[in-house]
Amino acid sequence: RLIDRARRDGYSLVVEELVAGVIGMSVPVKDSRGNVVAAAGISFNPSRFKKRDALDTCLPLLRKAADSIGLKLP
């Protein structure tokens, strides 16, 4: 169910799921054919960013970085 949601939304966000005090966010990295070949991710402390802040501020930057990586792939 969570994988389907990440596929639909185009990102994954976990709040203190793996490590207490850490939020993790990842987006797919796609090759020139549009195939997902990797993921780009960041982690941060929830005392600095709340979930909404992360989505509004960090997600666009993370997507831009993943797109930039994807452009360099065959």
N, C-alpha and C. Protein backbone atom coordinates (compact mmCIF):
# COMPACT_ATOMS: atom_id res chain seq x y z
N ARG A 1 0.83 -1.19 0.00
CA ARG A 1 0.00 0.00 0.00
C ARG A 1 0.87 1.25 0.00
N LEU A 2 1.91 1.29 0.82
CA LEU A 2 2.80 2.46 0.88
C LEU A 2 3.60 2.63 -0.41
N ILE A 3 3.99 1.52 -1.01
CA ILE A 3 4.71 1.59 -2.28
C ILE A 3 3.79 2.13 -3.37
N ASP A 4 2.55 1.66 -3.38
CA ASP A 4 1.59 2.18 -4.36
C ASP A 4 1.36 3.67 -4.17
N ARG A 5 1.30 4.11 -2.93
CA ARG A 5 1.11 5.54 -2.65
C ARG A 5 2.32 6.35 -3.14
N ALA A 6 3.53 5.85 -2.87
CA ALA A 6 4.73 6.55 -3.33
C ALA A 6 4.78 6.61 -4.84
N ARG A 7 4.38 5.54 -5.50
CA ARG A 7 4.35 5.53 -6.97
C ARG A 7 3.35 6.57 -7.47
N ARG A 8 2.20 6.61 -6.87
CA ARG A 8 1.15 7.56 -7.29
C ARG A 8 1.58 9.00 -7.04
N ASP A 9 2.15 9.27 -5.85
CA ASP A 9 2.51 10.63 -5.47
C ASP A 9 3.83 11.10 -6.07
N GLY A 10 4.70 10.16 -6.44
CA GLY A 10 6.00 10.52 -6.99
C GLY A 10 7.05 10.82 -5.95
N TYR A 11 6.77 10.50 -4.71
CA TYR A 11 7.76 10.67 -3.63
C TYR A 11 7.35 9.80 -2.46
N SER A 12 8.32 9.62 -1.55
CA SER A 12 8.05 8.91 -0.30
C SER A 12 8.50 9.80 0.85
N LEU A 13 7.69 9.85 1.88
CA LEU A 13 8.02 10.63 3.07
C LEU A 13 7.74 9.77 4.29
N VAL A 14 8.75 9.56 5.11
CA VAL A 14 8.57 8.79 6.33
C VAL A 14 8.99 9.66 7.51
N VAL A 15 8.16 9.69 8.52
CA VAL A 15 8.41 10.50 9.70
C VAL A 15 8.73 9.58 10.86
N GLU A 16 9.98 9.60 11.27
CA GLU A 16 10.46 8.80 12.40
C GLU A 16 10.08 7.32 12.26
N GLU A 17 10.08 6.82 11.03
CA GLU A 17 9.73 5.43 10.80
C GLU A 17 10.93 4.51 11.00
N LEU A 18 12.08 4.95 10.54
CA LEU A 18 13.28 4.12 10.67
C LEU A 18 14.13 4.51 11.87
N VAL A 19 14.20 5.83 12.12
CA VAL A 19 15.02 6.34 13.22
C VAL A 19 14.25 7.44 13.93
N ALA A 20 14.19 7.36 15.24
CA ALA A 20 13.50 8.40 16.01
C ALA A 20 14.20 9.74 15.77
N GLY A 21 13.41 10.78 15.54
CA GLY A 21 13.95 12.11 15.34
C GLY A 21 14.44 12.39 13.93
N VAL A 22 14.05 11.54 12.97
CA VAL A 22 14.50 11.73 11.60
C VAL A 22 13.32 11.58 10.64
N ILE A 23 13.22 12.54 9.71
CA ILE A 23 12.27 12.46 8.61
C ILE A 23 13.08 12.12 7.36
N GLY A 24 12.59 11.18 6.57
CA GLY A 24 13.24 10.82 5.32
C GLY A 24 12.33 11.08 4.15
N MET A 25 12.90 11.59 3.08
CA MET A 25 12.13 11.86 1.87
C MET A 25 12.95 11.36 0.68
N SER A 26 12.27 10.73 -0.28
CA SER A 26 12.97 10.27 -1.48
C SER A 26 12.08 10.43 -2.70
N VAL A 27 12.73 10.54 -3.84
CA VAL A 27 12.05 10.65 -5.13
C VAL A 27 12.78 9.74 -6.12
N PRO A 28 12.09 9.31 -7.17
CA PRO A 28 12.75 8.45 -8.16
C PRO A 28 13.70 9.24 -9.06
N VAL A 29 14.73 8.55 -9.50
CA VAL A 29 15.62 9.05 -10.54
C VAL A 29 15.34 8.20 -11.77
N LYS A 30 14.99 8.86 -12.87
CA LYS A 30 14.61 8.15 -14.09
C LYS A 30 15.66 8.34 -15.18
N ASP A 31 15.87 7.27 -15.96
CA ASP A 31 16.80 7.37 -17.08
C ASP A 31 16.11 8.04 -18.27
N SER A 32 16.81 8.10 -19.40
CA SER A 32 16.29 8.82 -20.57
C SER A 32 15.03 8.17 -21.15
N ARG A 33 14.77 6.91 -20.81
CA ARG A 33 13.55 6.23 -21.28
C ARG A 33 12.41 6.33 -20.28
N GLY A 34 12.66 7.00 -19.15
CA GLY A 34 11.62 7.15 -18.15
C GLY A 34 11.54 6.02 -17.14
N ASN A 35 12.52 5.11 -17.20
CA ASN A 35 12.56 4.01 -16.24
C ASN A 35 13.18 4.46 -14.92
N VAL A 36 12.59 4.07 -13.82
CA VAL A 36 13.17 4.37 -12.51
C VAL A 36 14.39 3.49 -12.31
N VAL A 37 15.55 4.12 -12.12
CA VAL A 37 16.80 3.38 -11.99
C VAL A 37 17.48 3.60 -10.64
N ALA A 38 17.00 4.57 -9.89
CA ALA A 38 17.61 4.87 -8.60
C ALA A 38 16.65 5.78 -7.83
N ALA A 39 17.08 6.18 -6.66
CA ALA A 39 16.32 7.14 -5.86
C ALA A 39 17.27 8.18 -5.31
N ALA A 40 16.77 9.38 -5.14
CA ALA A 40 17.51 10.45 -4.47
C ALA A 40 16.76 10.74 -3.17
N GLY A 41 17.49 10.89 -2.11
CA GLY A 41 16.83 11.10 -0.83
C GLY A 41 17.56 12.05 0.08
N ILE A 42 16.82 12.56 1.04
CA ILE A 42 17.38 13.41 2.08
C ILE A 42 16.76 13.00 3.41
N SER A 43 17.42 13.37 4.46
CA SER A 43 16.85 13.17 5.79
C SER A 43 17.11 14.42 6.61
N PHE A 44 16.22 14.68 7.55
CA PHE A 44 16.36 15.88 8.36
C PHE A 44 15.63 15.71 9.67
N ASN A 45 15.91 16.61 10.57
CA ASN A 45 15.33 16.59 11.91
C ASN A 45 13.98 17.28 11.90
N PRO A 46 12.94 16.63 12.45
CA PRO A 46 11.61 17.25 12.43
C PRO A 46 11.50 18.52 13.28
N SER A 47 12.48 18.81 14.10
CA SER A 47 12.43 20.07 14.85
C SER A 47 12.75 21.26 13.94
N ARG A 48 13.40 20.99 12.80
CA ARG A 48 13.72 22.06 11.84
C ARG A 48 12.67 22.20 10.76
N PHE A 49 12.10 21.09 10.33
CA PHE A 49 11.09 21.08 9.27
C PHE A 49 9.92 20.22 9.70
N LYS A 50 8.76 20.73 9.56
CA LYS A 50 7.56 19.92 9.75
C LYS A 50 7.21 19.28 8.40
N LYS A 51 6.32 18.33 8.42
CA LYS A 51 5.96 17.60 7.20
C LYS A 51 5.54 18.55 6.08
N ARG A 52 4.67 19.50 6.37
CA ARG A 52 4.19 20.44 5.34
C ARG A 52 5.34 21.28 4.79
N ASP A 53 6.24 21.73 5.67
CA ASP A 53 7.41 22.50 5.22
C ASP A 53 8.28 21.67 4.29
N ALA A 54 8.45 20.41 4.65
CA ALA A 54 9.27 19.52 3.83
C ALA A 54 8.67 19.38 2.45
N LEU A 55 7.38 19.20 2.38
CA LEU A 55 6.71 19.04 1.08
C LEU A 55 6.77 20.32 0.26
N ASP A 56 6.60 21.45 0.91
CA ASP A 56 6.58 22.73 0.20
C ASP A 56 7.97 23.20 -0.20
N THR A 57 8.96 22.98 0.66
CA THR A 57 10.30 23.53 0.45
C THR A 57 11.28 22.51 -0.11
N CYS A 58 11.37 21.36 0.52
CA CYS A 58 12.40 20.39 0.16
C CYS A 58 12.04 19.54 -1.05
N LEU A 59 10.78 19.14 -1.17
CA LEU A 59 10.39 18.25 -2.26
C LEU A 59 10.69 18.83 -3.64
N PRO A 60 10.36 20.09 -3.92
CA PRO A 60 10.70 20.62 -5.25
C PRO A 60 12.20 20.61 -5.53
N LEU A 61 13.00 20.90 -4.52
CA LEU A 61 14.45 20.89 -4.70
C LEU A 61 14.98 19.48 -4.91
N LEU A 62 14.43 18.53 -4.19
CA LEU A 62 14.85 17.15 -4.35
C LEU A 62 14.46 16.62 -5.73
N ARG A 63 13.28 16.96 -6.18
CA ARG A 63 12.85 16.55 -7.53
C ARG A 63 13.76 17.16 -8.60
N LYS A 64 14.13 18.42 -8.40
CA LYS A 64 15.03 19.09 -9.36
C LYS A 64 16.39 18.38 -9.40
N ALA A 65 16.89 18.00 -8.25
CA ALA A 65 18.18 17.29 -8.20
C ALA A 65 18.07 15.93 -8.88
N ALA A 66 16.98 15.20 -8.62
CA ALA A 66 16.80 13.88 -9.24
C ALA A 66 16.67 14.01 -10.75
N ASP A 67 15.96 15.02 -11.22
CA ASP A 67 15.83 15.25 -12.66
C ASP A 67 17.19 15.56 -13.28
N SER A 68 17.99 16.34 -12.58
CA SER A 68 19.31 16.70 -13.07
C SER A 68 20.20 15.46 -13.18
N ILE A 69 20.11 14.59 -12.20
CA ILE A 69 20.88 13.32 -12.26
C ILE A 69 20.38 12.49 -13.43
N GLY A 70 19.06 12.39 -13.59
CA GLY A 70 18.49 11.59 -14.65
C GLY A 70 18.90 12.06 -16.04
N LEU A 71 19.07 13.35 -16.22
CA LEU A 71 19.48 13.88 -17.52
C LEU A 71 20.87 13.42 -17.93
N LYS A 72 21.68 13.04 -16.96
CA LYS A 72 23.05 12.59 -17.23
C LYS A 72 23.12 11.09 -17.49
N LEU A 73 22.00 10.39 -17.34
CA LEU A 73 21.98 8.94 -17.54
C LEU A 73 21.65 8.59 -18.99
N PRO A 74 22.16 7.46 -19.44
CA PRO A 74 21.84 7.02 -20.81
C PRO A 74 20.39 6.63 -20.97
